[in-house]
PDB file of N, CA and C in Angstrom:
ATOM      1  N   MET A   1     -16.992  -2.296 -18.070  1.00  0.00           N
ATOM      2  CA  MET A   1     -16.225  -1.769 -18.055  1.00  0.00           C
ATOM      3  C   MET A   1     -14.556  -2.892 -17.943  1.00  0.00           C
ATOM      4  N   GLU A   2     -13.331  -2.459 -18.720  1.00  0.00           N
ATOM      5  CA  GLU A   2     -12.469  -3.042 -18.710  1.00  0.00           C
ATOM      6  C   GLU A   2     -11.505  -3.416 -17.811  1.00  0.00           C
ATOM      7  N   GLY A   3     -11.150  -4.567 -17.260  1.00  0.00           N
ATOM      8  CA  GLY A   3     -10.724  -4.296 -16.022  1.00  0.00           C
ATOM      9  C   GLY A   3      -9.049  -4.040 -16.338  1.00  0.00           C
ATOM     10  N   MET A   4      -7.767  -4.585 -15.381  1.00  0.00           N
ATOM     11  CA  MET A   4      -6.907  -3.781 -15.624  1.00  0.00           C
ATOM     12  C   MET A   4      -5.826  -5.049 -15.896  1.00  0.00           C
ATOM     13  N   ALA A   5      -4.949  -4.989 -15.891  1.00  0.00           N
ATOM     14  CA  ALA A   5      -3.909  -6.004 -17.080  1.00  0.00           C
ATOM     15  C   ALA A   5      -3.362  -6.584 -15.907  1.00  0.00           C
ATOM     16  N   LEU A   6      -3.362  -7.611 -15.616  1.00  0.00           N
ATOM     17  CA  LEU A   6      -2.362  -8.523 -13.999  1.00  0.00           C
ATOM     18  C   LEU A   6      -0.846  -7.991 -15.047  1.00  0.00           C
ATOM     19  N   LEU A   7       0.609  -7.634 -13.196  1.00  0.00           N
ATOM     20  CA  LEU A   7       1.435  -7.132 -14.028  1.00  0.00           C
ATOM     21  C   LEU A   7       2.794  -8.522 -13.356  1.00  0.00           C
ATOM     22  N   ASN A   8       3.164  -8.709 -14.612  1.00  0.00           N
ATOM     23  CA  ASN A   8       4.493 -10.068 -14.535  1.00  0.00           C
ATOM     24  C   ASN A   8       5.412  -9.641 -13.081  1.00  0.00           C
ATOM     25  N   ASP A   9       6.084 -10.540 -12.643  1.00  0.00           N
ATOM     26  CA  ASP A   9       7.052 -10.493 -11.935  1.00  0.00           C
ATOM     27  C   ASP A   9       8.771  -9.405 -11.657  1.00  0.00           C
ATOM     28  N   GLU A  10       8.543  -9.005 -13.759  1.00  0.00           N
ATOM     29  CA  GLU A  10       9.449  -8.286 -13.120  1.00  0.00           C
ATOM     30  C   GLU A  10       8.712  -7.058 -13.436  1.00  0.00           C
ATOM     31  N   GLU A  11       7.575  -6.688 -14.616  1.00  0.00           N
ATOM     32  CA  GLU A  11       6.568  -5.506 -14.277  1.00  0.00           C
ATOM     33  C   GLU A  11       6.222  -4.934 -12.579  1.00  0.00           C
ATOM     34  N   ILE A  12       6.143  -6.024 -11.786  1.00  0.00           N
ATOM     35  CA  ILE A  12       6.091  -5.397 -10.787  1.00  0.00           C
ATOM     36  C   ILE A  12       7.299  -5.543  -9.600  1.00  0.00           C
ATOM     37  N   ARG A  13       8.461  -5.950  -9.848  1.00  0.00           N
ATOM     38  CA  ARG A  13       9.590  -5.579  -9.147  1.00  0.00           C
ATOM     39  C   ARG A  13       9.916  -4.395  -9.594  1.00  0.00           C
ATOM     40  N   SER A  14      10.281  -4.071 -11.119  1.00  0.00           N
ATOM     41  CA  SER A  14      10.600  -2.621 -11.089  1.00  0.00           C
ATOM     42  C   SER A  14       9.693  -1.344 -11.260  1.00  0.00           C
ATOM     43  N   GLY A  15       8.796  -1.532 -10.843  1.00  0.00           N
ATOM     44  CA  GLY A  15       7.415  -0.295 -10.765  1.00  0.00           C
ATOM     45  C   GLY A  15       7.547  -0.162  -9.167  1.00  0.00           C
ATOM     46  N   LEU A  16       7.988  -1.340  -8.554  1.00  0.00           N
ATOM     47  CA  LEU A  16       7.661  -0.941  -6.454  1.00  0.00           C
ATOM     48  C   LEU A  16       8.125   0.471  -6.450  1.00  0.00           C
ATOM     49  N   PRO A  17       7.545   1.456  -5.610  1.00  0.00           N
ATOM     50  CA  PRO A  17       7.994   2.355  -5.192  1.00  0.00           C
ATOM     51  C   PRO A  17       9.394   3.301  -4.551  1.00  0.00           C
ATOM     52  N   SER A  18      10.061   1.553  -3.469  1.00  0.00           N
ATOM     53  CA  SER A  18      10.880   2.350  -1.941  1.00  0.00           C
ATOM     54  C   SER A  18      11.036   0.212  -2.222  1.00  0.00           C
ATOM     55  N   ASP A  19      11.903   0.657  -1.715  1.00  0.00           N
ATOM     56  CA  ASP A  19      13.189  -0.671  -1.177  1.00  0.00           C
ATOM     57  C   ASP A  19      12.094  -1.682  -0.039  1.00  0.00           C
ATOM     58  N   GLY A  20      10.982  -1.022   0.506  1.00  0.00           N
ATOM     59  CA  GLY A  20      10.291  -1.487   1.296  1.00  0.00           C
ATOM     60  C   GLY A  20       9.171  -2.512   0.967  1.00  0.00           C
ATOM     61  N   TRP A  21       8.635  -2.695  -0.080  1.00  0.00           N
ATOM     62  CA  TRP A  21       7.784  -3.168  -0.344  1.00  0.00           C
ATOM     63  C   TRP A  21       8.556  -3.994  -1.017  1.00  0.00           C
ATOM     64  N   GLU A  22       7.539  -5.587  -1.046  1.00  0.00           N
ATOM     65  CA  GLU A  22       7.828  -6.921  -1.168  1.00  0.00           C
ATOM     66  C   GLU A  22       6.880  -7.815  -1.514  1.00  0.00           C
ATOM     67  N   VAL A  23       7.075  -8.382  -2.829  1.00  0.00           N
ATOM     68  CA  VAL A  23       6.260  -9.633  -3.536  1.00  0.00           C
ATOM     69  C   VAL A  23       6.197 -10.349  -2.729  1.00  0.00           C
ATOM     70  N   ALA A  24       4.926 -11.122  -2.397  1.00  0.00           N
ATOM     71  CA  ALA A  24       4.431 -12.010  -1.283  1.00  0.00           C
ATOM     72  C   ALA A  24       2.822 -12.557  -2.516  1.00  0.00           C
ATOM     73  N   GLY A  25       3.699 -13.956  -2.250  1.00  0.00           N
ATOM     74  CA  GLY A  25       1.834 -14.902  -2.924  1.00  0.00           C
ATOM     75  C   GLY A  25       2.628 -15.869  -4.190  1.00  0.00           C
ATOM     76  N   PRO A  26       2.154 -16.851  -4.715  1.00  0.00           N
ATOM     77  CA  PRO A  26       2.793 -17.079  -5.903  1.00  0.00           C
ATOM     78  C   PRO A  26       1.802 -16.194  -6.741  1.00  0.00           C
ATOM     79  N   SER A  27       2.544 -16.056  -8.134  1.00  0.00           N
ATOM     80  CA  SER A  27       2.190 -15.613  -9.146  1.00  0.00           C
ATOM     81  C   SER A  27       1.292 -16.814 -10.160  1.00  0.00           C
ATOM     82  N   PRO A  28      -0.177 -15.995  -9.988  1.00  0.00           N
ATOM     83  CA  PRO A  28      -0.814 -14.970  -9.879  1.00  0.00           C
ATOM     84  C   PRO A  28      -1.354 -15.072  -8.340  1.00  0.00           C
ATOM     85  N   GLY A  29      -2.423 -14.604  -8.254  1.00  0.00           N
ATOM     86  CA  GLY A  29      -2.919 -14.281  -6.515  1.00  0.00           C
ATOM     87  C   GLY A  29      -2.015 -13.455  -5.971  1.00  0.00           C
ATOM     88  N   GLN A  30      -0.326 -12.231  -6.431  1.00  0.00           N
ATOM     89  CA  GLN A  30       0.643 -12.213  -5.835  1.00  0.00           C
ATOM     90  C   GLN A  30      -0.596 -11.014  -5.241  1.00  0.00           C
ATOM     91  N   GLU A  31       0.636  -9.903  -3.822  1.00  0.00           N
ATOM     92  CA  GLU A  31       0.403  -9.277  -3.980  1.00  0.00           C
ATOM     93  C   GLU A  31       1.925  -8.384  -2.688  1.00  0.00           C
ATOM     94  N   ILE A  32       1.659  -6.455  -3.249  1.00  0.00           N
ATOM     95  CA  ILE A  32       2.416  -6.040  -2.804  1.00  0.00           C
ATOM     96  C   ILE A  32       2.769  -5.350  -1.009  1.00  0.00           C
ATOM     97  N   ARG A  33       3.608  -5.796  -0.065  1.00  0.00           N
ATOM     98  CA  ARG A  33       2.869  -5.283   1.082  1.00  0.00           C
ATOM     99  C   ARG A  33       3.979  -4.407   1.570  1.00  0.00           C
ATOM    100  N   ARG A  34       3.982  -4.121   2.878  1.00  0.00           N
ATOM    101  CA  ARG A  34       5.270  -3.185   3.011  1.00  0.00           C
ATOM    102  C   ARG A  34       4.871  -2.437   4.780  1.00  0.00           C
ATOM    103  N   THR A  35       6.125  -3.085   5.857  1.00  0.00           N
ATOM    104  CA  THR A  35       5.684  -2.514   6.798  1.00  0.00           C
ATOM    105  C   THR A  35       6.285  -1.105   7.441  1.00  0.00           C
ATOM    106  N   PHE A  36       5.333  -0.453   7.882  1.00  0.00           N
ATOM    107  CA  PHE A  36       5.710   1.169   8.195  1.00  0.00           C
ATOM    108  C   PHE A  36       5.578   1.018   9.439  1.00  0.00           C
ATOM    109  N   GLU A  37       6.951   1.662  10.044  1.00  0.00           N
ATOM    110  CA  GLU A  37       6.967   1.910  11.513  1.00  0.00           C
ATOM    111  C   GLU A  37       7.029   3.321  12.329  1.00  0.00           C
ATOM    112  N   PHE A  38       6.326   4.089  13.230  1.00  0.00           N
ATOM    113  CA  PHE A  38       6.234   4.932  13.130  1.00  0.00           C
ATOM    114  C   PHE A  38       6.904   5.091  14.955  1.00  0.00           C
ATOM    115  N   ASP A  39       6.631   6.530  15.118  1.00  0.00           N
ATOM    116  CA  ASP A  39       7.634   6.547  16.505  1.00  0.00           C
ATOM    117  C   ASP A  39       6.124   6.273  17.873  1.00  0.00           C
ATOM    118  N   SER A  40       4.898   6.363  17.051  1.00  0.00           N
ATOM    119  CA  SER A  40       3.542   6.057  18.568  1.00  0.00           C
ATOM    120  C   SER A  40       2.670   5.401  17.946  1.00  0.00           C
ATOM    121  N   PHE A  41       2.248   4.984  17.893  1.00  0.00           N
ATOM    122  CA  PHE A  41       0.562   4.527  17.988  1.00  0.00           C
ATOM    123  C   PHE A  41      -0.733   5.786  17.370  1.00  0.00           C
ATOM    124  N   PRO A  42      -1.088   6.510  17.789  1.00  0.00           N
ATOM    125  CA  PRO A  42      -1.241   8.223  17.473  1.00  0.00           C
ATOM    126  C   PRO A  42      -0.583   8.191  15.802  1.00  0.00           C
ATOM    127  N   ILE A  43       0.973   8.689  15.565  1.00  0.00           N
ATOM    128  CA  ILE A  43       1.317   8.455  14.302  1.00  0.00           C
ATOM    129  C   ILE A  43       0.309   7.506  13.303  1.00  0.00           C
ATOM    130  N   ALA A  44       0.840   6.564  13.696  1.00  0.00           N
ATOM    131  CA  ALA A  44       0.595   5.435  12.926  1.00  0.00           C
ATOM    132  C   ALA A  44      -1.041   5.430  12.878  1.00  0.00           C
ATOM    133  N   ILE A  45      -1.651   5.929  13.797  1.00  0.00           N
ATOM    134  CA  ILE A  45      -3.543   6.065  12.977  1.00  0.00           C
ATOM    135  C   ILE A  45      -3.723   7.226  12.270  1.00  0.00           C
ATOM    136  N   ALA A  46      -2.898   8.215  11.926  1.00  0.00           N
ATOM    137  CA  ALA A  46      -3.427   9.099  11.360  1.00  0.00           C
ATOM    138  C   ALA A  46      -2.577   9.055   9.716  1.00  0.00           C
ATOM    139  N   PHE A  47      -1.196   8.051   9.735  1.00  0.00           N
ATOM    140  CA  PHE A  47      -1.003   6.938   8.726  1.00  0.00           C
ATOM    141  C   PHE A  47      -2.770   6.963   8.185  1.00  0.00           C
ATOM    142  N   VAL A  48      -2.823   6.098   8.903  1.00  0.00           N
ATOM    143  CA  VAL A  48      -4.019   5.181   8.019  1.00  0.00           C
ATOM    144  C   VAL A  48      -5.238   6.079   7.761  1.00  0.00           C
ATOM    145  N   ASN A  49      -5.241   6.736   8.641  1.00  0.00           N
ATOM    146  CA  ASN A  49      -6.251   7.580   8.074  1.00  0.00           C
ATOM    147  C   ASN A  49      -6.411   8.853   6.976  1.00  0.00           C
ATOM    148  N   LEU A  50      -4.933   8.763   6.583  1.00  0.00           N
ATOM    149  CA  LEU A  50      -4.579   9.709   5.055  1.00  0.00           C
ATOM    150  C   LEU A  50      -4.588   8.499   4.082  1.00  0.00           C
ATOM    151  N   LEU A  51      -4.292   7.393   4.867  1.00  0.00           N
ATOM    152  CA  LEU A  51      -4.560   5.935   3.342  1.00  0.00           C
ATOM    153  C   LEU A  51      -5.412   5.551   3.174  1.00  0.00           C
ATOM    154  N   ALA A  52      -6.213   5.902   4.289  1.00  0.00           N
ATOM    155  CA  ALA A  52      -7.526   5.565   3.950  1.00  0.00           C
ATOM    156  C   ALA A  52      -8.753   6.152   2.831  1.00  0.00           C
ATOM    157  N   ASP A  53      -8.587   7.853   3.102  1.00  0.00           N
ATOM    158  CA  ASP A  53      -8.347   8.676   2.496  1.00  0.00           C
ATOM    159  C   ASP A  53      -7.941   8.551   0.606  1.00  0.00           C
ATOM    160  N   ALA A  54      -6.940   8.627   1.134  1.00  0.00           N
ATOM    161  CA  ALA A  54      -6.402   8.276  -0.772  1.00  0.00           C
ATOM    162  C   ALA A  54      -7.046   6.893  -1.009  1.00  0.00           C
ATOM    163  N   ALA A  55      -6.929   6.325  -0.282  1.00  0.00           N
ATOM    164  CA  ALA A  55      -7.647   4.808  -1.375  1.00  0.00           C
ATOM    165  C   ALA A  55      -8.812   5.180  -1.587  1.00  0.00           C
ATOM    166  N   GLU A  56      -9.811   5.275  -0.746  1.00  0.00           N
ATOM    167  CA  GLU A  56     -10.676   6.088  -1.435  1.00  0.00           C
ATOM    168  C   GLU A  56     -11.223   6.792  -2.417  1.00  0.00           C
ATOM    169  N   ALA A  57     -10.110   8.436  -2.860  1.00  0.00           N
ATOM    170  CA  ALA A  57     -10.061   8.580  -3.923  1.00  0.00           C
ATOM    171  C   ALA A  57     -10.105   7.497  -4.921  1.00  0.00           C
ATOM    172  N   ALA A  58      -9.313   7.581  -5.028  1.00  0.00           N
ATOM    173  CA  ALA A  58      -8.980   6.065  -5.988  1.00  0.00           C
ATOM    174  C   ALA A  58      -9.758   5.005  -6.108  1.00  0.00           C
ATOM    175  N   ASN A  59     -10.404   4.580  -5.156  1.00  0.00           N
ATOM    176  CA  ASN A  59     -11.442   3.169  -5.096  1.00  0.00           C
ATOM    177  C   ASN A  59     -10.942   2.750  -4.941  1.00  0.00           C
ATOM    178  N   HIS A  60      -9.681   1.806  -4.727  1.00  0.00           N
ATOM    179  CA  HIS A  60      -8.905   1.066  -4.656  1.00  0.00           C
ATOM    180  C   HIS A  60      -8.411   0.796  -2.825  1.00  0.00           C
ATOM    181  N   HIS A  61      -8.772   0.151  -2.199  1.00  0.00           N
ATOM    182  CA  HIS A  61      -8.569  -0.679  -1.324  1.00  0.00           C
ATOM    183  C   HIS A  61      -7.693  -1.473   0.040  1.00  0.00           C
ATOM    184  N   PRO A  62      -6.447  -0.535   0.563  1.00  0.00           N
ATOM    185  CA  PRO A  62      -5.543  -2.033   0.241  1.00  0.00           C
ATOM    186  C   PRO A  62      -6.290  -2.959   2.011  1.00  0.00           C
ATOM    187  N   ASP A  63      -5.131  -4.026   2.321  1.00  0.00           N
ATOM    188  CA  ASP A  63      -5.686  -4.468   3.502  1.00  0.00           C
ATOM    189  C   ASP A  63      -4.698  -3.790   4.371  1.00  0.00           C
ATOM    190  N   ILE A  64      -4.996  -3.647   5.781  1.00  0.00           N
ATOM    191  CA  ILE A  64      -4.353  -3.036   6.531  1.00  0.00           C
ATOM    192  C   ILE A  64      -4.428  -3.467   8.023  1.00  0.00           C
ATOM    193  N   ASP A  65      -3.425  -3.953   8.316  1.00  0.00           N
ATOM    194  CA  ASP A  65      -2.800  -4.296   9.932  1.00  0.00           C
ATOM    195  C   ASP A  65      -2.199  -3.317  10.866  1.00  0.00           C
ATOM    196  N   ILE A  66      -3.240  -3.279  11.503  1.00  0.00           N
ATOM    197  CA  ILE A  66      -2.153  -1.253  12.296  1.00  0.00           C
ATOM    198  C   ILE A  66      -2.028  -2.599  13.828  1.00  0.00           C
ATOM    199  N   ARG A  67      -0.710  -3.150  14.733  1.00  0.00           N
ATOM    200  CA  ARG A  67      -0.633  -3.317  15.524  1.00  0.00           C
ATOM    201  C   ARG A  67       0.954  -1.944  16.127  1.00  0.00           C
ATOM    202  N   TYR A  68      -0.576  -1.728  16.969  1.00  0.00           N
ATOM    203  CA  TYR A  68       0.420  -0.905  17.861  1.00  0.00           C
ATOM    204  C   TYR A  68       1.088   0.519  17.182  1.00  0.00           C
ATOM    205  N   ASN A  69       2.119   0.873  16.199  1.00  0.00           N
ATOM    206  CA  ASN A  69       3.270   1.518  15.347  1.00  0.00           C
ATOM    207  C   ASN A  69       3.603   1.082  14.513  1.00  0.00           C
ATOM    208  N   ARG A  70       2.939   0.121  14.273  1.00  0.00           N
ATOM    209  CA  ARG A  70       3.726  -0.261  12.598  1.00  0.00           C
ATOM    210  C   ARG A  70       2.437  -1.008  11.980  1.00  0.00           C
ATOM    211  N   VAL A  71       1.944  -0.768  10.870  1.00  0.00           N
ATOM    212  CA  VAL A  71       1.305  -0.771  10.438  1.00  0.00           C
ATOM    213  C   VAL A  71       1.819  -1.988   8.606  1.00  0.00           C
ATOM    214  N   LEU A  72       1.133  -2.749   8.593  1.00  0.00           N
ATOM    215  CA  LEU A  72       1.198  -3.276   7.868  1.00  0.00           C
ATOM    216  C   LEU A  72      -0.074  -3.332   6.491  1.00  0.00           C
ATOM    217  N   VAL A  73       0.413  -2.678   4.986  1.00  0.00           N
ATOM    218  CA  VAL A  73      -0.327  -2.471   4.287  1.00  0.00           C
ATOM    219  C   VAL A  73       0.381  -3.657   2.791  1.00  0.00           C
ATOM    220  N   ALA A  74      -1.111  -4.082   2.699  1.00  0.00           N
ATOM    221  CA  ALA A  74      -1.265  -5.461   1.671  1.00  0.00           C
ATOM    222  C   ALA A  74      -1.735  -4.667   0.071  1.00  0.00           C
ATOM    223  N   LEU A  75      -1.366  -4.689  -0.993  1.00  0.00           N
ATOM    224  CA  LEU A  75      -2.235  -4.078  -1.954  1.00  0.00           C
ATOM    225  C   LEU A  75      -2.479  -5.302  -3.406  1.00  0.00           C
ATOM    226  N   SER A  76      -3.292  -5.832  -3.651  1.00  0.00           N
ATOM    227  CA  SER A  76      -3.405  -6.340  -4.672  1.00  0.00           C
ATOM    228  C   SER A  76      -4.911  -6.046  -4.960  1.00  0.00           C
ATOM    229  N   THR A  77      -5.176  -5.584  -6.549  1.00  0.00           N
ATOM    230  CA  THR A  77      -6.725  -6.075  -7.084  1.00  0.00           C
ATOM    231  C   THR A  77      -7.470  -6.917  -7.605  1.00  0.00           C
ATOM    232  N   HIS A  78      -8.020  -6.924  -6.146  1.00  0.00           N
ATOM    233  CA  HIS A  78      -8.983  -8.662  -5.913  1.00  0.00           C
ATOM    234  C   HIS A  78     -10.448  -8.543  -6.974  1.00  0.00           C
ATOM    235  N   SER A  79     -10.046  -7.880  -7.548  1.00  0.00           N
ATOM    236  CA  SER A  79     -11.317  -8.338  -9.211  1.00  0.00           C
ATOM    237  C   SER A  79     -10.323  -8.643  -9.975  1.00  0.00           C
ATOM    238  N   GLU A  80      -8.733  -8.112 -10.260  1.00  0.00           N
ATOM    239  CA  GLU A  80      -7.742  -9.182 -11.548  1.00  0.00           C
ATOM    240  C   GLU A  80      -7.243 -10.341 -10.922  1.00  0.00           C
ATOM    241  N   GLY A  81      -7.346 -10.222  -9.456  1.00  0.00           N
ATOM    242  CA  GLY A  81      -6.353 -11.255  -8.460  1.00  0.00           C
ATOM    243  C   GLY A  81      -5.390 -11.469  -8.753  1.00  0.00           C
ATOM    244  N   GLY A  82      -4.609  -9.970  -8.068  1.00  0.00           N
ATOM    245  CA  GLY A  82      -3.096 -10.058  -8.382  1.00  0.00           C
ATOM    246  C   GLY A  82      -2.837  -8.406  -8.539  1.00  0.00           C
ATOM    247  N   VAL A  83      -2.043  -7.606  -9.253  1.00  0.00           N
ATOM    248  CA  VAL A  83      -0.849  -7.161  -8.353  1.00  0.00           C
ATOM    249  C   VAL A  83      -0.898  -6.405  -9.657  1.00  0.00           C
ATOM    250  N   THR A  84      -1.929  -5.198 -10.475  1.00  0.00           N
ATOM    251  CA  THR A  84      -2.391  -4.385 -11.311  1.00  0.00           C
ATOM    252  C   THR A  84      -1.173  -2.967 -10.687  1.00  0.00           C
ATOM    253  N   GLU A  85      -1.353  -1.902 -11.524  1.00  0.00           N
ATOM    254  CA  GLU A  85      -1.031  -0.362 -12.172  1.00  0.00           C
ATOM    255  C   GLU A  85      -1.530   0.679 -10.354  1.00  0.00           C
ATOM    256  N   LYS A  86      -2.523   0.145 -10.349  1.00  0.00           N
ATOM    257  CA  LYS A  86      -3.130   0.402  -9.224  1.00  0.00           C
ATOM    258  C   LYS A  86      -2.908   0.336  -8.446  1.00  0.00           C
ATOM    259  N   ASP A  87      -2.347  -0.620  -7.914  1.00  0.00           N
ATOM    260  CA  ASP A  87      -1.483  -1.191  -6.869  1.00  0.00           C
ATOM    261  C   ASP A  87      -0.061  -0.499  -6.151  1.00  0.00           C
ATOM    262  N   LEU A  88       0.230  -0.172  -7.732  1.00  0.00           N
ATOM    263  CA  LEU A  88       1.684   0.361  -7.979  1.00  0.00           C
ATOM    264  C   LEU A  88       1.525   1.570  -7.309  1.00  0.00           C
ATOM    265  N   SER A  89       0.801   2.414  -8.080  1.00  0.00           N
ATOM    266  CA  SER A  89       0.693   3.954  -7.429  1.00  0.00           C
ATOM    267  C   SER A  89      -0.098   4.233  -6.200  1.00  0.00           C
ATOM    268  N   LEU A  90      -1.074   3.059  -5.442  1.00  0.00           N
ATOM    269  CA  LEU A  90      -1.215   3.655  -4.425  1.00  0.00           C
ATOM    270  C   LEU A  90      -0.605   3.306  -3.083  1.00  0.00           C
ATOM    271  N   ALA A  91       0.752   2.179  -4.280  1.00  0.00           N
ATOM    272  CA  ALA A  91       2.282   2.269  -2.552  1.00  0.00           C
ATOM    273  C   ALA A  91       2.785   3.191  -3.107  1.00  0.00           C
ATOM    274  N   GLY A  92       3.179   3.821  -3.963  1.00  0.00           N
ATOM    275  CA  GLY A  92       3.404   5.314  -3.993  1.00  0.00           C
ATOM    276  C   GLY A  92       2.993   6.083  -3.383  1.00  0.00           C
ATOM    277  N   GLU A  93       1.583   5.963  -2.968  1.00  0.00           N
ATOM    278  CA  GLU A  93       1.384   7.256  -2.460  1.00  0.00           C
ATOM    279  C   GLU A  93       0.846   7.512  -1.307  1.00  0.00           C
ATOM    280  N   ALA A  94       1.248   6.033  -0.306  1.00  0.00           N
ATOM    281  CA  ALA A  94       1.853   5.205   0.975  1.00  0.00           C
ATOM    282  C   ALA A  94       3.065   5.449   1.491  1.00  0.00           C
ATOM    283  N   ASP A  95       3.667   5.749   0.690  1.00  0.00           N
ATOM    284  CA  ASP A  95       5.022   5.716   0.728  1.00  0.00           C
ATOM    285  C   ASP A  95       5.531   7.518   0.849  1.00  0.00           C
ATOM    286  N   LYS A  96       4.771   8.525   0.388  1.00  0.00           N
ATOM    287  CA  LYS A  96       4.276   9.451   0.339  1.00  0.00           C
ATOM    288  C   LYS A  96       3.944   9.793   1.923  1.00  0.00           C
ATOM    289  N   LEU A  97       2.420   9.363   2.268  1.00  0.00           N
ATOM    290  CA  LEU A  97       1.728  10.152   3.445  1.00  0.00           C
ATOM    291  C   LEU A  97       2.025   9.875   4.334  1.00  0.00           C
ATOM    292  N   ALA A  98       3.268   8.299   4.566  1.00  0.00           N
ATOM    293  CA  ALA A  98       4.105   8.067   5.884  1.00  0.00           C
ATOM    294  C   ALA A  98       4.414   9.264   6.076  1.00  0.00           C
ATOM    295  N   GLY A  99       5.453  10.093   5.435  1.00  0.00           N
ATOM    296  CA  GLY A  99       5.980  11.469   5.714  1.00  0.00           C
ATOM    297  C   GLY A  99       5.254  12.373   6.480  1.00  0.00           C
ATOM    298  N   ALA A 100       4.078  12.840   5.582  1.00  0.00           N
ATOM    299  CA  ALA A 100       3.146  13.204   6.129  1.00  0.00           C
ATOM    300  C   ALA A 100       2.327  12.814   7.450  1.00  0.00           C
ATOM    301  N   ALA A 101       2.351  11.984   7.533  1.00  0.00           N
ATOM    302  CA  ALA A 101       1.508  11.210   9.453  1.00  0.00           C
ATOM    303  C   ALA A 101       1.922  11.444  10.536  1.00  0.00           C
ATOM    304  N   GLY A 102       3.483  12.076  10.554  1.00  0.00           N
ATOM    305  CA  GLY A 102       3.948  12.959  11.387  1.00  0.00           C
ATOM    306  C   GLY A 102       3.550  13.867  11.912  1.00  0.00           C
ATOM    307  N   GLU A 103       3.406  14.308  10.904  1.00  0.00           N
ATOM    308  CA  GLU A 103       3.229  16.167  10.860  1.00  0.00           C
ATOM    309  C   GLU A 103       1.653  16.371  10.976  1.00  0.00           C
ATOM    310  N   GLN A 104       0.852  15.558  10.937  1.00  0.00           N
ATOM    311  CA  GLN A 104      -0.755  15.585  11.045  1.00  0.00           C
ATOM    312  C   GLN A 104      -1.154  15.362  12.284  1.00  0.00           C
ATOM    313  N   ALA A 105      -0.120  14.776  13.437  1.00  0.00           N
ATOM    314  CA  ALA A 105      -0.254  13.552  14.228  1.00  0.00           C
ATOM    315  C   ALA A 105       0.793  14.419  14.844  1.00  0.00           C
ATOM    316  N   GLY A 106       1.472  15.849  14.631  1.00  0.00           N
ATOM    317  CA  GLY A 106       2.212  16.451  15.358  1.00  0.00           C
ATOM    318  C   GLY A 106       3.576  15.780  16.528  1.00  0.00           C
ATOM    319  N   GLY A 107       3.569  15.006  15.673  1.00  0.00           N
ATOM    320  CA  GLY A 107       5.182  13.612  15.389  1.00  0.00           C
ATOM    321  C   GLY A 107       6.005  14.114  14.939  1.00  0.00           C
TER     322      GLY A 107
END
């Protein structure tokens, strides 16, 4: 199976799905990350559960840090050592799921 191509800085920045995402780390080896903030802990957990399902379906798993109502999502294609299209795609999905989390949790 052929690996995914690493993206350069310009490709990463132009491909970020929203302003909330940032590039972290030196190139190569970068990751993209965003902190999502929700109204409550249950909504944050609903988001994590939705994201976990999407990540499993994509076979691409983010690093997730939960702090009460704040969820830090960090994406990098570990096997490639940096950011690929898979990361940008899952970042866009995370943005969509953040809105759906409140509805699922009843918030």
